[in-house]
Amino acid sequence: MAERSRRRPRRLPLLLLAALSALWGLPAAGQPPPPGQGVALEWLSWSHFRLTSLAGRVILINPFVTNPDSPVPLEAMTRADIILVSDGHRDEVGSAPEIALRTGARIMAARELAMGLLRARGVPEDQLVLAQPGFVFRLEGIKVRVVQAVHGSGVAEHAPGLPYGGPALGFLITFENNLTVYFAGSTALTTDLALFGSLYKPDVVILPLHPRTEAHDIAQMVRLLSTENPNLRLVIPHHHRLRPEPGSPTVADLAAEVRALGFAVPVLEPALGQAYHLAK
């Protein structure tokens, strides 16, 4: 079935990828754009994304705002409803506790990470959503399905005495317009992705393009996520620097590998801090 999917021509994306600055005006630094006709997606460097739903709900993913490429400082992050943290590493947890305390946002993370590190950093228990692979949550009118990721989750480097962050996670986020965005976390290549594609049929997939990965492997993730999934319209990389180190895979490398597999699905190189309008 995956082989037939590989050869099937892909439909052109029905995603409006024009910058929302032209439609909405530029938001203040650190502020999400106002609600529009689709889900607004912004890449804020590394694996930090901000998604704004049709109803104006703000979801932050891995808010590592202190990394060298980040366009927003911590003090500018004043709006959030849900924060998703994919594992216990420093660059995934980022400033999630501080932003949650500032905004009242709920943090969804593995139970061990939430009740260990995040609670130790002052996040009240009523703001912690204790997740495990296989769980499904409905928050603020948005469905979040939690899936496994093949990756580590140790927190010893920044939480002495709290070394384990529980399982590494990915998230399938379904918005009010039925658009489903799959954030894969830092997962390695795994055949689980074919299952996620065939069962949950994500429209947009955000995949790790880490400096120590190969573009070919990430393209194979696209192939697996296309299994029995006619909805896949857009691939977005994360975990890469604005100026990749020599020898690191680039977004152009990934796009070329996806084309080499026979897929016409676009690979977006998002402009830092620019909002894109995702319509079903």
Protein backbone atom coordinates (compact mmCIF):
# COMPACT_ATOMS: atom_id res chain seq x y z
CA MET A 1 0.00 0.00 0.00
CA ALA A 2 2.86 2.37 0.79
CA GLU A 3 4.35 1.66 -2.65
CA ARG A 4 1.11 2.59 -4.41
CA SER A 5 0.93 5.74 -2.30
CA ARG A 6 4.46 6.68 -3.39
CA ARG A 7 3.51 6.56 -7.06
CA ARG A 8 0.18 8.34 -6.74
CA PRO A 9 0.40 11.98 -7.88
CA ARG A 10 0.02 14.43 -5.04
CA ARG A 11 -2.63 17.08 -5.11
CA LEU A 12 -1.49 20.67 -5.04
CA PRO A 13 -1.62 22.12 -1.52
CA LEU A 14 -4.73 23.98 -0.47
CA LEU A 15 -2.71 26.02 2.00
CA LEU A 16 -2.48 29.76 1.72
CA LEU A 17 1.21 30.31 2.37
CA ALA A 18 1.22 34.07 1.87
CA ALA A 19 2.56 36.08 4.74
CA LEU A 20 -0.16 37.24 7.07
CA SER A 21 1.64 40.50 7.60
CA ALA A 22 0.03 41.61 4.34
CA LEU A 23 -3.42 40.62 5.57
CA TRP A 24 -3.40 41.40 9.25
CA GLY A 25 -0.57 43.84 9.77
CA LEU A 26 2.49 42.99 11.79
CA PRO A 27 1.72 41.88 15.36
CA ALA A 28 3.69 43.28 18.25
CA ALA A 29 6.89 41.43 19.10
CA GLY A 30 6.08 38.12 20.73
CA GLN A 31 2.36 38.44 20.07
CA PRO A 32 0.39 35.93 17.95
CA PRO A 33 -1.52 37.26 14.95
CA PRO A 34 -5.27 37.82 15.40
CA PRO A 35 -7.64 35.04 14.29
CA GLY A 36 -8.18 34.78 10.57
CA GLN A 37 -9.66 32.34 8.08
CA GLY A 38 -7.27 29.52 8.92
CA VAL A 39 -4.77 28.33 11.48
CA ALA A 40 -1.79 30.67 11.78
CA LEU A 41 1.58 28.97 12.06
CA GLU A 42 4.81 30.75 13.03
CA TRP A 43 8.27 29.22 13.35
CA LEU A 44 10.10 30.99 16.15
CA SER A 45 13.42 29.13 15.71
CA TRP A 46 14.73 25.64 16.54
CA SER A 47 11.66 23.52 17.45
CA HIS A 48 9.60 26.41 18.80
CA PHE A 49 6.32 26.98 16.93
CA ARG A 50 3.28 29.11 17.69
CA LEU A 51 -0.09 28.03 16.30
CA THR A 52 -3.13 30.29 16.58
CA SER A 53 -6.49 28.60 16.07
CA LEU A 54 -9.52 30.04 14.29
CA ALA A 55 -10.95 30.97 17.67
CA GLY A 56 -7.72 32.70 18.69
CA ARG A 57 -6.38 29.96 20.97
CA VAL A 58 -2.60 30.08 21.15
CA ILE A 59 -0.57 26.88 21.24
CA LEU A 60 3.18 27.00 21.83
CA ILE A 61 5.40 24.02 21.06
CA ASN A 62 8.82 23.62 22.73
CA PRO A 63 9.24 27.33 23.61
CA PHE A 64 13.04 27.52 23.63
CA VAL A 65 13.10 31.31 23.50
CA THR A 66 16.66 31.65 24.79
CA ASN A 67 18.30 29.94 21.79
CA PRO A 68 20.59 32.12 19.62
CA ASP A 69 18.14 32.35 16.69
CA SER A 70 15.04 33.24 18.70
CA PRO A 71 13.29 36.41 17.46
CA VAL A 72 11.38 36.96 20.71
CA PRO A 73 12.60 37.38 24.30
CA LEU A 74 10.92 35.64 27.20
CA GLU A 75 9.29 38.84 28.43
CA ALA A 76 7.47 39.23 25.10
CA MET A 77 5.71 35.88 25.43
CA THR A 78 2.57 37.11 27.16
CA ARG A 79 -0.15 35.04 25.44
CA ALA A 80 -0.57 31.27 25.48
CA ASP A 81 -3.39 28.83 26.17
CA ILE A 82 -1.63 25.48 25.69
CA ILE A 83 2.08 24.62 25.73
CA LEU A 84 3.20 21.28 24.31
CA VAL A 85 6.56 19.90 25.45
CA SER A 86 7.82 16.87 23.56
CA ASP A 87 10.55 15.61 25.93
CA GLY A 88 12.69 16.57 28.91
CA HIS A 89 15.70 18.00 27.08
CA ARG A 90 16.67 21.58 27.72
CA ASP A 91 15.86 22.72 24.18
CA GLU A 92 12.36 21.21 24.28
CA VAL A 93 11.35 22.37 27.76
CA GLY A 94 12.82 25.79 27.10
CA SER A 95 10.96 28.50 29.01
CA ALA A 96 7.69 26.58 29.22
CA PRO A 97 7.42 26.91 33.05
CA GLU A 98 8.05 30.67 33.01
CA ILE A 99 5.58 31.25 30.17
CA ALA A 100 2.94 29.11 31.90
CA LEU A 101 3.31 31.09 35.12
CA ARG A 102 3.10 34.36 33.19
CA THR A 103 0.09 33.44 31.03
CA GLY A 104 -1.83 30.77 32.95
CA ALA A 105 -1.35 28.36 30.04
CA ARG A 106 -1.64 24.64 30.61
CA ILE A 107 1.45 22.56 29.81
CA MET A 108 0.98 19.14 28.21
CA ALA A 109 3.97 16.90 28.84
CA ALA A 110 4.78 13.34 29.86
CA ARG A 111 3.56 12.60 33.38
CA GLU A 112 7.09 12.08 34.70
CA LEU A 113 8.32 15.37 33.24
CA ALA A 114 5.28 17.30 34.43
CA MET A 115 5.26 15.98 37.99
CA GLY A 116 9.06 16.13 38.24
CA LEU A 117 10.82 19.02 36.53
CA LEU A 118 7.85 21.24 35.67
CA ARG A 119 6.30 21.05 39.13
CA ALA A 120 9.74 21.61 40.67
CA ARG A 121 10.03 24.80 38.60
CA GLY A 122 6.85 26.14 40.14
CA VAL A 123 4.08 25.22 37.70
CA PRO A 124 0.85 24.54 39.67
CA GLU A 125 -0.58 21.07 39.27
CA ASP A 126 -3.84 22.43 37.86
CA GLN A 127 -1.84 23.79 34.90
CA LEU A 128 -0.21 20.44 34.15
CA VAL A 129 -1.79 18.05 31.63
CA LEU A 130 -0.24 14.65 32.29
CA ALA A 131 0.25 12.92 28.96
CA GLN A 132 1.30 9.49 27.79
CA PRO A 133 1.41 7.95 24.30
CA GLY A 134 -2.13 6.95 23.30
CA PHE A 135 -3.88 9.68 25.28
CA VAL A 136 -6.30 12.09 23.61
CA PHE A 137 -7.19 15.48 25.08
CA ARG A 138 -9.73 18.12 24.13
CA LEU A 139 -8.63 21.53 25.33
CA GLU A 140 -9.95 24.93 24.32
CA GLY A 141 -11.91 23.34 21.46
CA ILE A 142 -8.76 21.69 20.06
CA LYS A 143 -8.03 17.95 20.04
CA VAL A 144 -4.51 16.83 20.84
CA ARG A 145 -3.59 13.20 20.28
CA VAL A 146 -0.37 12.09 21.98
CA VAL A 147 1.87 9.57 20.21
CA GLN A 148 5.25 8.04 20.90
CA ALA A 149 8.52 9.42 19.57
CA VAL A 150 11.78 7.47 19.30
CA HIS A 151 14.08 9.77 21.27
CA GLY A 152 15.53 10.32 24.73
CA SER A 153 14.04 12.42 27.52
CA GLY A 154 16.67 12.80 30.20
CA VAL A 155 16.58 16.00 32.26
CA ALA A 156 19.64 15.50 34.48
CA GLU A 157 21.55 18.32 32.75
CA HIS A 158 19.19 20.95 34.14
CA ALA A 159 17.36 19.20 36.98
CA PRO A 160 19.69 17.44 39.44
CA GLY A 161 17.83 14.65 41.19
CA LEU A 162 15.11 14.55 38.50
CA PRO A 163 16.88 12.62 35.74
CA TYR A 164 13.94 11.11 33.87
CA GLY A 165 11.44 13.00 31.75
CA GLY A 166 9.23 10.07 30.80
CA PRO A 167 8.61 8.98 27.23
CA ALA A 168 9.42 11.32 24.35
CA LEU A 169 6.23 12.44 22.62
CA GLY A 170 4.75 13.63 19.36
CA PHE A 171 1.44 15.47 19.00
CA LEU A 172 -1.34 15.40 16.42
CA ILE A 173 -3.26 18.65 16.80
CA THR A 174 -6.70 18.92 15.18
CA PHE A 175 -8.16 22.42 14.94
CA GLU A 176 -11.69 23.77 14.58
CA ASN A 177 -11.49 23.60 10.76
CA ASN A 178 -10.49 19.90 10.98
CA LEU A 179 -6.92 20.69 9.93
CA THR A 180 -4.52 18.23 11.58
CA VAL A 181 -0.91 19.22 12.24
CA TYR A 182 1.51 16.50 13.30
CA PHE A 183 4.48 17.69 15.34
CA ALA A 184 6.82 14.71 15.40
CA GLY A 185 9.05 15.95 18.20
CA SER A 186 12.62 14.71 17.83
CA THR A 187 11.69 11.22 16.70
CA ALA A 188 14.05 9.01 14.74
CA LEU A 189 12.85 7.23 11.62
CA THR A 190 10.31 4.60 12.67
CA THR A 191 7.61 2.57 10.96
CA ASP A 192 5.17 3.99 13.53
CA LEU A 193 4.86 6.92 11.14
CA ALA A 194 3.05 4.78 8.57
CA LEU A 195 0.46 3.95 11.22
CA PHE A 196 0.04 7.63 12.11
CA GLY A 197 -0.40 8.49 8.44
CA SER A 198 -2.99 5.83 7.72
CA LEU A 199 -5.00 6.30 10.93
CA TYR A 200 -4.83 10.05 11.59
CA LYS A 201 -4.12 11.45 8.10
CA PRO A 202 -2.32 14.68 9.04
CA ASP A 203 -2.47 17.59 6.60
CA VAL A 204 0.75 19.26 7.76
CA VAL A 205 3.76 17.47 9.27
CA ILE A 206 6.58 19.12 11.21
CA LEU A 207 9.63 16.87 11.16
CA PRO A 208 13.07 17.07 12.84
CA LEU A 209 15.94 18.18 10.60
CA HIS A 210 18.58 17.99 13.31
CA PRO A 211 22.25 18.66 12.42
CA ARG A 212 23.04 14.99 13.18
CA THR A 213 20.30 13.56 10.97
CA GLU A 214 20.32 12.90 7.23
CA ALA A 215 17.84 14.46 4.84
CA HIS A 216 17.24 11.06 3.24
CA ASP A 217 15.90 9.67 6.54
CA ILE A 218 13.55 12.61 7.02
CA ALA A 219 12.28 12.15 3.46
CA GLN A 220 11.53 8.54 4.38
CA MET A 221 9.38 9.91 7.21
CA VAL A 222 7.37 11.78 4.56
CA ARG A 223 6.97 8.55 2.60
CA LEU A 224 5.67 6.69 5.66
CA LEU A 225 3.30 9.50 6.67
CA SER A 226 1.84 9.36 3.16
CA THR A 227 0.68 5.78 3.71
CA GLU A 228 -3.06 5.69 2.93
CA ASN A 229 -3.05 9.42 3.60
CA PRO A 230 -4.33 11.60 0.74
CA ASN A 231 -4.38 14.64 3.05
CA LEU A 232 -0.66 15.31 3.39
CA ARG A 233 -0.13 18.76 1.85
CA LEU A 234 2.90 20.32 3.51
CA VAL A 235 6.18 19.37 5.22
CA ILE A 236 7.89 21.78 7.60
CA PRO A 237 11.30 21.06 9.14
CA HIS A 238 12.44 22.01 12.63
CA HIS A 239 15.51 21.64 14.84
CA HIS A 240 17.73 23.42 12.33
CA ARG A 241 19.68 26.64 12.70
CA LEU A 242 19.13 29.68 10.51
CA ARG A 243 22.68 29.18 9.25
CA PRO A 244 23.32 25.43 9.45
CA GLU A 245 26.77 24.28 10.43
CA PRO A 246 28.89 22.84 7.61
CA GLY A 247 27.79 19.31 6.86
CA SER A 248 24.34 19.73 8.41
CA PRO A 249 21.33 18.81 6.26
CA THR A 250 19.46 21.80 4.84
CA VAL A 251 15.84 22.39 3.94
CA ALA A 252 16.87 22.32 0.27
CA ASP A 253 18.48 18.91 0.83
CA LEU A 254 15.25 17.62 2.35
CA ALA A 255 13.14 18.99 -0.50
CA ALA A 256 15.43 17.30 -3.04
CA GLU A 257 15.22 13.96 -1.23
CA VAL A 258 11.41 14.16 -1.07
CA ARG A 259 11.28 14.81 -4.83
CA ALA A 260 13.68 11.92 -5.42
CA LEU A 261 11.17 9.60 -3.75
CA GLY A 262 8.51 10.72 -6.23
CA PHE A 263 6.47 12.98 -3.96
CA ALA A 264 5.24 16.42 -5.00
CA VAL A 265 4.36 17.49 -1.46
CA PRO A 266 5.96 20.90 -0.81
CA VAL A 267 8.71 21.33 1.79
CA LEU A 268 8.41 24.79 3.32
CA GLU A 269 11.43 26.73 4.53
CA PRO A 270 9.56 29.03 6.90
CA ALA A 271 10.75 32.57 7.36
CA LEU A 272 11.62 33.20 10.98
CA GLY A 273 8.69 34.80 12.82
CA GLN A 274 6.47 35.02 9.74
CA ALA A 275 2.88 33.81 10.03
CA TYR A 276 1.40 31.39 7.50
CA HIS A 277 -2.30 30.75 7.06
CA LEU A 278 -3.20 27.04 6.95
CA ALA A 279 -6.61 26.23 5.49
CA LYS A 280 -8.10 22.73 5.28
